Amino acid sequence: MEILRTHLQQLIYLAGLAQIALVTGSLAIPRILNWRAELAKVQPLIKQMFWTYAGYIVVINLCFGLLSVFATGELSNGSKLAILVDAFIAVYWISRVLIQFLYFDRTNFPAGIWNKIGETVLVTLFVFLSIVYSLAFYFNFHNT
């Protein structure tokens, strides 16, 4: 049991680093997708709301990363809080994967090999994060 918890903590720590890296990489997305030109076409309120939502997403991802790096033990200790936080993070990332495939309109997705590679890396990361936090939830739920 303790070996499983150690492996889980390593996965959570790695997931935390990955989320921090995602936040860092996310800083390039506005340039890659030309947000400035695209948002110039919408009303100021829509633009402000968009940037607000984008900011919230970046901050949430950063907080998930920091929480996972600095509280790996707490996210795998079997407490109710660990169960709930792991479940919340798992649902967040699973939702992101579903949105990627079931909602996003890909007709205007930027062409090119680097954009395809970037998307593949991101989707792989989102799936990895979904799995790690789902496993953490499962482990905590069954070991309370």
N, C-alpha and C. Protein backbone atom coordinates (compact mmCIF):
# COMPACT_ATOMS: atom_id res chain seq x y z
N MET A 1 0.82 -1.19 0.00
CA MET A 1 0.00 0.00 0.00
C MET A 1 0.86 1.26 0.00
N GLU A 2 1.91 1.24 0.82
CA GLU A 2 2.78 2.42 0.90
C GLU A 2 3.55 2.63 -0.40
N ILE A 3 3.88 1.56 -1.10
CA ILE A 3 4.57 1.69 -2.39
C ILE A 3 3.64 2.37 -3.40
N LEU A 4 2.36 1.99 -3.39
CA LEU A 4 1.40 2.63 -4.28
C LEU A 4 1.27 4.12 -3.98
N ARG A 5 1.22 4.45 -2.70
CA ARG A 5 1.12 5.86 -2.32
C ARG A 5 2.35 6.64 -2.78
N THR A 6 3.53 6.04 -2.65
CA THR A 6 4.76 6.71 -3.10
C THR A 6 4.73 6.95 -4.60
N HIS A 7 4.32 5.95 -5.37
CA HIS A 7 4.22 6.11 -6.83
C HIS A 7 3.18 7.16 -7.19
N LEU A 8 2.07 7.14 -6.48
CA LEU A 8 1.03 8.13 -6.72
C LEU A 8 1.55 9.54 -6.42
N GLN A 9 2.28 9.69 -5.34
CA GLN A 9 2.84 11.00 -5.01
C GLN A 9 3.82 11.47 -6.08
N GLN A 10 4.59 10.54 -6.64
CA GLN A 10 5.51 10.90 -7.72
C GLN A 10 4.74 11.36 -8.95
N LEU A 11 3.65 10.67 -9.27
CA LEU A 11 2.81 11.07 -10.41
C LEU A 11 2.17 12.44 -10.17
N ILE A 12 1.67 12.66 -8.96
CA ILE A 12 1.06 13.95 -8.64
C ILE A 12 2.11 15.06 -8.75
N TYR A 13 3.31 14.81 -8.25
CA TYR A 13 4.38 15.80 -8.33
C TYR A 13 4.71 16.10 -9.80
N LEU A 14 4.83 15.06 -10.60
CA LEU A 14 5.11 15.23 -12.03
C LEU A 14 3.97 16.00 -12.71
N ALA A 15 2.73 15.68 -12.34
CA ALA A 15 1.57 16.39 -12.88
C ALA A 15 1.62 17.87 -12.49
N GLY A 16 2.07 18.14 -11.27
CA GLY A 16 2.20 19.53 -10.84
C GLY A 16 3.23 20.27 -11.67
N LEU A 17 4.38 19.67 -11.89
CA LEU A 17 5.39 20.29 -12.74
C LEU A 17 4.87 20.51 -14.15
N ALA A 18 4.12 19.53 -14.65
CA ALA A 18 3.56 19.63 -16.00
C ALA A 18 2.57 20.80 -16.10
N GLN A 19 1.78 20.99 -15.06
CA GLN A 19 0.82 22.10 -15.08
C GLN A 19 1.52 23.45 -15.00
N ILE A 20 2.60 23.52 -14.24
CA ILE A 20 3.38 24.75 -14.20
C ILE A 20 4.02 25.01 -15.56
N ALA A 21 4.51 23.97 -16.20
CA ALA A 21 5.07 24.12 -17.55
C ALA A 21 3.98 24.54 -18.54
N LEU A 22 2.78 23.99 -18.37
CA LEU A 22 1.66 24.37 -19.23
C LEU A 22 1.36 25.86 -19.11
N VAL A 23 1.37 26.36 -17.89
CA VAL A 23 1.13 27.79 -17.67
C VAL A 23 2.19 28.62 -18.39
N THR A 24 3.42 28.20 -18.27
CA THR A 24 4.52 28.91 -18.94
C THR A 24 4.32 28.88 -20.45
N GLY A 25 4.00 27.71 -20.99
CA GLY A 25 3.76 27.59 -22.42
C GLY A 25 2.54 28.33 -22.89
N SER A 26 1.57 28.46 -22.01
CA SER A 26 0.32 29.16 -22.36
C SER A 26 0.54 30.63 -22.68
N LEU A 27 1.63 31.16 -22.21
CA LEU A 27 1.93 32.57 -22.48
C LEU A 27 2.15 32.82 -23.97
N ALA A 28 2.47 31.76 -24.73
CA ALA A 28 2.69 31.91 -26.17
C ALA A 28 1.40 31.76 -26.98
N ILE A 29 0.36 31.22 -26.40
CA ILE A 29 -0.88 30.95 -27.13
C ILE A 29 -1.49 32.21 -27.76
N PRO A 30 -1.57 33.33 -27.05
CA PRO A 30 -2.15 34.52 -27.70
C PRO A 30 -1.43 34.91 -28.99
N ARG A 31 -0.11 34.76 -29.01
CA ARG A 31 0.65 35.09 -30.22
C ARG A 31 0.42 34.04 -31.30
N ILE A 32 0.47 32.78 -30.93
CA ILE A 32 0.32 31.70 -31.90
C ILE A 32 -1.04 31.76 -32.57
N LEU A 33 -2.08 32.04 -31.79
CA LEU A 33 -3.43 32.06 -32.34
C LEU A 33 -3.90 33.47 -32.73
N ASN A 34 -2.97 34.43 -32.66
CA ASN A 34 -3.24 35.79 -33.12
C ASN A 34 -4.46 36.40 -32.42
N TRP A 35 -4.49 36.30 -31.10
CA TRP A 35 -5.63 36.79 -30.34
C TRP A 35 -5.85 38.29 -30.52
N ARG A 36 -4.77 39.05 -30.64
CA ARG A 36 -4.91 40.50 -30.74
C ARG A 36 -5.78 40.87 -31.95
N ALA A 37 -5.47 40.31 -33.11
CA ALA A 37 -6.24 40.62 -34.32
C ALA A 37 -7.66 40.06 -34.23
N GLU A 38 -7.79 38.87 -33.70
CA GLU A 38 -9.11 38.24 -33.61
C GLU A 38 -10.01 38.97 -32.63
N LEU A 39 -9.45 39.38 -31.51
CA LEU A 39 -10.25 40.07 -30.50
C LEU A 39 -10.56 41.51 -30.87
N ALA A 40 -9.82 42.05 -31.82
CA ALA A 40 -10.11 43.41 -32.30
C ALA A 40 -11.47 43.47 -33.01
N LYS A 41 -11.98 42.32 -33.42
CA LYS A 41 -13.24 42.24 -34.15
C LYS A 41 -14.47 42.20 -33.24
N VAL A 42 -14.25 42.06 -31.93
CA VAL A 42 -15.39 41.90 -31.02
C VAL A 42 -15.56 43.14 -30.14
N GLN A 43 -16.72 43.24 -29.53
CA GLN A 43 -17.02 44.36 -28.65
C GLN A 43 -16.06 44.37 -27.45
N PRO A 44 -15.79 45.55 -26.89
CA PRO A 44 -14.86 45.63 -25.75
C PRO A 44 -15.26 44.74 -24.58
N LEU A 45 -16.54 44.65 -24.26
CA LEU A 45 -16.96 43.80 -23.15
C LEU A 45 -16.62 42.33 -23.41
N ILE A 46 -16.85 41.88 -24.62
CA ILE A 46 -16.52 40.49 -24.98
C ILE A 46 -15.01 40.26 -24.84
N LYS A 47 -14.22 41.21 -25.31
CA LYS A 47 -12.77 41.12 -25.21
C LYS A 47 -12.33 41.06 -23.75
N GLN A 48 -12.93 41.92 -22.92
CA GLN A 48 -12.58 41.94 -21.50
C GLN A 48 -12.96 40.63 -20.82
N MET A 49 -14.14 40.13 -21.15
CA MET A 49 -14.57 38.86 -20.57
C MET A 49 -13.65 37.72 -21.00
N PHE A 50 -13.27 37.72 -22.27
CA PHE A 50 -12.38 36.68 -22.79
C PHE A 50 -11.05 36.68 -22.02
N TRP A 51 -10.44 37.86 -21.88
CA TRP A 51 -9.16 37.95 -21.17
C TRP A 51 -9.32 37.58 -19.70
N THR A 52 -10.46 37.93 -19.11
CA THR A 52 -10.72 37.54 -17.72
C THR A 52 -10.78 36.03 -17.58
N TYR A 53 -11.55 35.39 -18.46
CA TYR A 53 -11.65 33.92 -18.42
C TYR A 53 -10.30 33.27 -18.68
N ALA A 54 -9.55 33.79 -19.63
CA ALA A 54 -8.22 33.25 -19.93
C ALA A 54 -7.32 33.38 -18.70
N GLY A 55 -7.41 34.52 -18.03
CA GLY A 55 -6.62 34.73 -16.81
C GLY A 55 -6.99 33.75 -15.72
N TYR A 56 -8.28 33.55 -15.53
CA TYR A 56 -8.73 32.59 -14.52
C TYR A 56 -8.21 31.19 -14.82
N ILE A 57 -8.25 30.78 -16.07
CA ILE A 57 -7.77 29.45 -16.44
C ILE A 57 -6.29 29.31 -16.13
N VAL A 58 -5.50 30.32 -16.49
CA VAL A 58 -4.06 30.27 -16.22
C VAL A 58 -3.80 30.19 -14.71
N VAL A 59 -4.52 31.00 -13.93
CA VAL A 59 -4.32 31.00 -12.48
C VAL A 59 -4.74 29.65 -11.88
N ILE A 60 -5.85 29.10 -12.33
CA ILE A 60 -6.30 27.79 -11.82
C ILE A 60 -5.26 26.72 -12.15
N ASN A 61 -4.76 26.71 -13.39
CA ASN A 61 -3.76 25.72 -13.77
C ASN A 61 -2.50 25.89 -12.92
N LEU A 62 -2.09 27.13 -12.68
CA LEU A 62 -0.92 27.38 -11.85
C LEU A 62 -1.17 26.90 -10.42
N CYS A 63 -2.33 27.20 -9.88
CA CYS A 63 -2.64 26.76 -8.51
C CYS A 63 -2.69 25.24 -8.40
N PHE A 64 -3.27 24.57 -9.39
CA PHE A 64 -3.26 23.11 -9.39
C PHE A 64 -1.82 22.59 -9.41
N GLY A 65 -0.98 23.23 -10.21
CA GLY A 65 0.42 22.82 -10.29
C GLY A 65 1.14 23.02 -8.98
N LEU A 66 0.99 24.18 -8.40
CA LEU A 66 1.66 24.47 -7.12
C LEU A 66 1.14 23.57 -6.00
N LEU A 67 -0.15 23.36 -5.96
CA LEU A 67 -0.74 22.47 -4.97
C LEU A 67 -0.16 21.06 -5.12
N SER A 68 -0.04 20.60 -6.34
CA SER A 68 0.46 19.25 -6.59
C SER A 68 1.94 19.11 -6.27
N VAL A 69 2.72 20.15 -6.50
CA VAL A 69 4.16 20.10 -6.20
C VAL A 69 4.41 20.19 -4.70
N PHE A 70 3.69 21.08 -4.03
CA PHE A 70 3.99 21.36 -2.63
C PHE A 70 3.10 20.60 -1.63
N ALA A 71 2.08 19.89 -2.12
CA ALA A 71 1.19 19.15 -1.20
C ALA A 71 0.89 17.74 -1.73
N THR A 72 1.91 17.08 -2.26
CA THR A 72 1.69 15.73 -2.79
C THR A 72 1.18 14.79 -1.71
N GLY A 73 1.74 14.91 -0.52
CA GLY A 73 1.30 14.04 0.58
C GLY A 73 -0.14 14.27 0.95
N GLU A 74 -0.55 15.51 0.97
CA GLU A 74 -1.93 15.85 1.32
C GLU A 74 -2.92 15.42 0.24
N LEU A 75 -2.47 15.36 -1.01
CA LEU A 75 -3.37 14.92 -2.09
C LEU A 75 -3.45 13.39 -2.20
N SER A 76 -2.71 12.70 -1.35
CA SER A 76 -2.74 11.23 -1.40
C SER A 76 -2.89 10.61 -0.01
N ASN A 77 -3.39 11.38 0.95
CA ASN A 77 -3.46 10.86 2.33
C ASN A 77 -4.79 10.22 2.70
N GLY A 78 -5.72 10.13 1.74
CA GLY A 78 -6.99 9.47 2.01
C GLY A 78 -8.03 10.32 2.72
N SER A 79 -7.74 11.57 2.96
CA SER A 79 -8.70 12.43 3.66
C SER A 79 -9.85 12.81 2.72
N LYS A 80 -10.92 13.30 3.33
CA LYS A 80 -12.05 13.77 2.52
C LYS A 80 -11.62 14.91 1.61
N LEU A 81 -10.77 15.79 2.15
CA LEU A 81 -10.30 16.91 1.34
C LEU A 81 -9.49 16.41 0.14
N ALA A 82 -8.63 15.41 0.34
CA ALA A 82 -7.86 14.84 -0.77
C ALA A 82 -8.80 14.25 -1.81
N ILE A 83 -9.79 13.52 -1.36
CA ILE A 83 -10.77 12.91 -2.29
C ILE A 83 -11.45 14.00 -3.11
N LEU A 84 -11.92 15.04 -2.45
CA LEU A 84 -12.66 16.09 -3.14
C LEU A 84 -11.78 16.91 -4.07
N VAL A 85 -10.59 17.27 -3.62
CA VAL A 85 -9.69 18.06 -4.46
C VAL A 85 -9.24 17.24 -5.68
N ASP A 86 -8.86 15.99 -5.46
CA ASP A 86 -8.46 15.13 -6.58
C ASP A 86 -9.62 14.95 -7.56
N ALA A 87 -10.82 14.77 -7.04
CA ALA A 87 -12.00 14.63 -7.91
C ALA A 87 -12.22 15.91 -8.72
N PHE A 88 -12.12 17.05 -8.07
CA PHE A 88 -12.31 18.32 -8.76
C PHE A 88 -11.29 18.51 -9.88
N ILE A 89 -10.01 18.24 -9.57
CA ILE A 89 -8.97 18.41 -10.59
C ILE A 89 -9.17 17.40 -11.72
N ALA A 90 -9.55 16.17 -11.39
CA ALA A 90 -9.80 15.16 -12.42
C ALA A 90 -10.95 15.59 -13.34
N VAL A 91 -12.04 16.05 -12.76
CA VAL A 91 -13.18 16.51 -13.56
C VAL A 91 -12.78 17.69 -14.44
N TYR A 92 -11.99 18.59 -13.89
CA TYR A 92 -11.51 19.75 -14.65
C TYR A 92 -10.76 19.30 -15.91
N TRP A 93 -9.81 18.37 -15.75
CA TRP A 93 -9.00 17.94 -16.90
C TRP A 93 -9.77 17.02 -17.83
N ILE A 94 -10.62 16.18 -17.31
CA ILE A 94 -11.46 15.33 -18.17
C ILE A 94 -12.37 16.22 -19.01
N SER A 95 -12.93 17.25 -18.39
CA SER A 95 -13.77 18.19 -19.13
C SER A 95 -12.98 18.85 -20.24
N ARG A 96 -11.73 19.20 -19.97
CA ARG A 96 -10.89 19.85 -20.98
C ARG A 96 -10.66 18.92 -22.17
N VAL A 97 -10.44 17.64 -21.92
CA VAL A 97 -10.26 16.67 -23.01
C VAL A 97 -11.55 16.55 -23.82
N LEU A 98 -12.68 16.46 -23.15
CA LEU A 98 -13.96 16.35 -23.85
C LEU A 98 -14.24 17.59 -24.69
N ILE A 99 -13.96 18.77 -24.15
CA ILE A 99 -14.15 20.01 -24.90
C ILE A 99 -13.29 20.01 -26.15
N GLN A 100 -12.06 19.52 -26.03
CA GLN A 100 -11.15 19.47 -27.17
C GLN A 100 -11.75 18.71 -28.35
N PHE A 101 -12.39 17.56 -28.04
CA PHE A 101 -12.86 16.69 -29.11
C PHE A 101 -14.35 16.85 -29.46
N LEU A 102 -15.14 17.34 -28.53
CA LEU A 102 -16.58 17.40 -28.77
C LEU A 102 -17.10 18.82 -29.03
N TYR A 103 -16.32 19.84 -28.73
CA TYR A 103 -16.83 21.19 -28.85
C TYR A 103 -16.02 22.07 -29.80
N PHE A 104 -14.71 22.04 -29.72
CA PHE A 104 -13.89 22.95 -30.52
C PHE A 104 -14.13 22.76 -32.01
N ASP A 105 -14.32 23.87 -32.70
CA ASP A 105 -14.44 23.89 -34.15
C ASP A 105 -13.03 23.94 -34.73
N ARG A 106 -12.66 22.92 -35.44
CA ARG A 106 -11.28 22.81 -35.92
C ARG A 106 -11.10 23.31 -37.35
N THR A 107 -12.14 23.89 -37.94
CA THR A 107 -12.03 24.31 -39.33
C THR A 107 -10.98 25.39 -39.54
N ASN A 108 -10.75 26.24 -38.58
CA ASN A 108 -9.76 27.31 -38.70
C ASN A 108 -8.51 27.08 -37.86
N PHE A 109 -8.29 25.84 -37.48
CA PHE A 109 -7.10 25.54 -36.67
C PHE A 109 -5.86 25.84 -37.49
N PRO A 110 -4.86 26.49 -36.88
CA PRO A 110 -3.65 26.84 -37.64
C PRO A 110 -2.98 25.61 -38.25
N ALA A 111 -2.60 25.74 -39.52
CA ALA A 111 -1.95 24.63 -40.23
C ALA A 111 -0.48 24.58 -39.85
N GLY A 112 0.15 23.51 -40.23
CA GLY A 112 1.59 23.37 -40.03
C GLY A 112 1.93 22.27 -39.07
N ILE A 113 3.10 21.71 -39.27
CA ILE A 113 3.55 20.58 -38.46
C ILE A 113 3.73 20.96 -37.00
N TRP A 114 4.26 22.16 -36.73
CA TRP A 114 4.50 22.56 -35.35
C TRP A 114 3.19 22.75 -34.58
N ASN A 115 2.16 23.23 -35.25
CA ASN A 115 0.86 23.36 -34.60
C ASN A 115 0.26 21.99 -34.30
N LYS A 116 0.45 21.05 -35.21
CA LYS A 116 -0.04 19.68 -34.96
C LYS A 116 0.72 19.03 -33.81
N ILE A 117 2.03 19.22 -33.80
CA ILE A 117 2.84 18.67 -32.72
C ILE A 117 2.41 19.30 -31.39
N GLY A 118 2.25 20.62 -31.39
CA GLY A 118 1.82 21.32 -30.17
C GLY A 118 0.48 20.81 -29.67
N GLU A 119 -0.47 20.64 -30.58
CA GLU A 119 -1.78 20.13 -30.17
C GLU A 119 -1.66 18.71 -29.61
N THR A 120 -0.87 17.88 -30.25
CA THR A 120 -0.69 16.50 -29.78
C THR A 120 -0.08 16.48 -28.38
N VAL A 121 0.93 17.32 -28.16
CA VAL A 121 1.56 17.40 -26.84
C VAL A 121 0.54 17.86 -25.80
N LEU A 122 -0.23 18.89 -26.13
CA LEU A 122 -1.23 19.41 -25.18
C LEU A 122 -2.30 18.37 -24.86
N VAL A 123 -2.83 17.72 -25.88
CA VAL A 123 -3.88 16.73 -25.63
C VAL A 123 -3.32 15.56 -24.82
N THR A 124 -2.10 15.14 -25.12
CA THR A 124 -1.47 14.08 -24.34
C THR A 124 -1.32 14.51 -22.89
N LEU A 125 -0.91 15.75 -22.68
CA LEU A 125 -0.79 16.28 -21.33
C LEU A 125 -2.14 16.30 -20.62
N PHE A 126 -3.18 16.76 -21.29
CA PHE A 126 -4.51 16.81 -20.69
C PHE A 126 -5.00 15.41 -20.30
N VAL A 127 -4.74 14.43 -21.15
CA VAL A 127 -5.12 13.04 -20.85
C VAL A 127 -4.31 12.53 -19.65
N PHE A 128 -3.02 12.80 -19.65
CA PHE A 128 -2.16 12.40 -18.53
C PHE A 128 -2.68 12.99 -17.22
N LEU A 129 -2.99 14.27 -17.22
CA LEU A 129 -3.49 14.92 -16.01
C LEU A 129 -4.83 14.32 -15.58
N SER A 130 -5.68 14.03 -16.54
CA SER A 130 -6.97 13.39 -16.23
C SER A 130 -6.76 12.05 -15.55
N ILE A 131 -5.82 11.29 -16.05
CA ILE A 131 -5.55 9.95 -15.50
C ILE A 131 -4.93 10.05 -14.11
N VAL A 132 -3.95 10.92 -13.94
CA VAL A 132 -3.27 11.04 -12.64
C VAL A 132 -4.25 11.41 -11.54
N TYR A 133 -5.07 12.43 -11.77
CA TYR A 133 -5.98 12.86 -10.71
C TYR A 133 -7.15 11.91 -10.53
N SER A 134 -7.53 11.20 -11.58
CA SER A 134 -8.55 10.15 -11.44
C SER A 134 -8.00 9.00 -10.58
N LEU A 135 -6.74 8.64 -10.83
CA LEU A 135 -6.10 7.60 -10.00
C LEU A 135 -5.97 8.06 -8.56
N ALA A 136 -5.60 9.32 -8.37
CA ALA A 136 -5.48 9.84 -7.00
C ALA A 136 -6.84 9.80 -6.29
N PHE A 137 -7.88 10.22 -7.01
CA PHE A 137 -9.22 10.15 -6.43
C PHE A 137 -9.56 8.71 -6.06
N TYR A 138 -9.34 7.78 -6.99
CA TYR A 138 -9.68 6.37 -6.77
C TYR A 138 -8.89 5.82 -5.57
N PHE A 139 -7.59 6.09 -5.55
CA PHE A 139 -6.75 5.62 -4.45
C PHE A 139 -7.26 6.15 -3.11
N ASN A 140 -7.51 7.44 -3.05
CA ASN A 140 -7.97 8.04 -1.79
C ASN A 140 -9.35 7.54 -1.39
N PHE A 141 -10.23 7.41 -2.36
CA PHE A 141 -11.59 6.98 -2.09
C PHE A 141 -11.62 5.55 -1.52
N HIS A 142 -10.77 4.70 -2.05
CA HIS A 142 -10.76 3.30 -1.61
C HIS A 142 -9.83 3.02 -0.44
N ASN A 143 -9.13 4.03 0.01
CA ASN A 143 -8.21 3.85 1.13
C ASN A 143 -8.52 4.78 2.29
N THR A 144 -9.80 5.08 2.46
CA THR A 144 -10.20 5.95 3.58
C THR A 144 -10.55 5.12 4.79
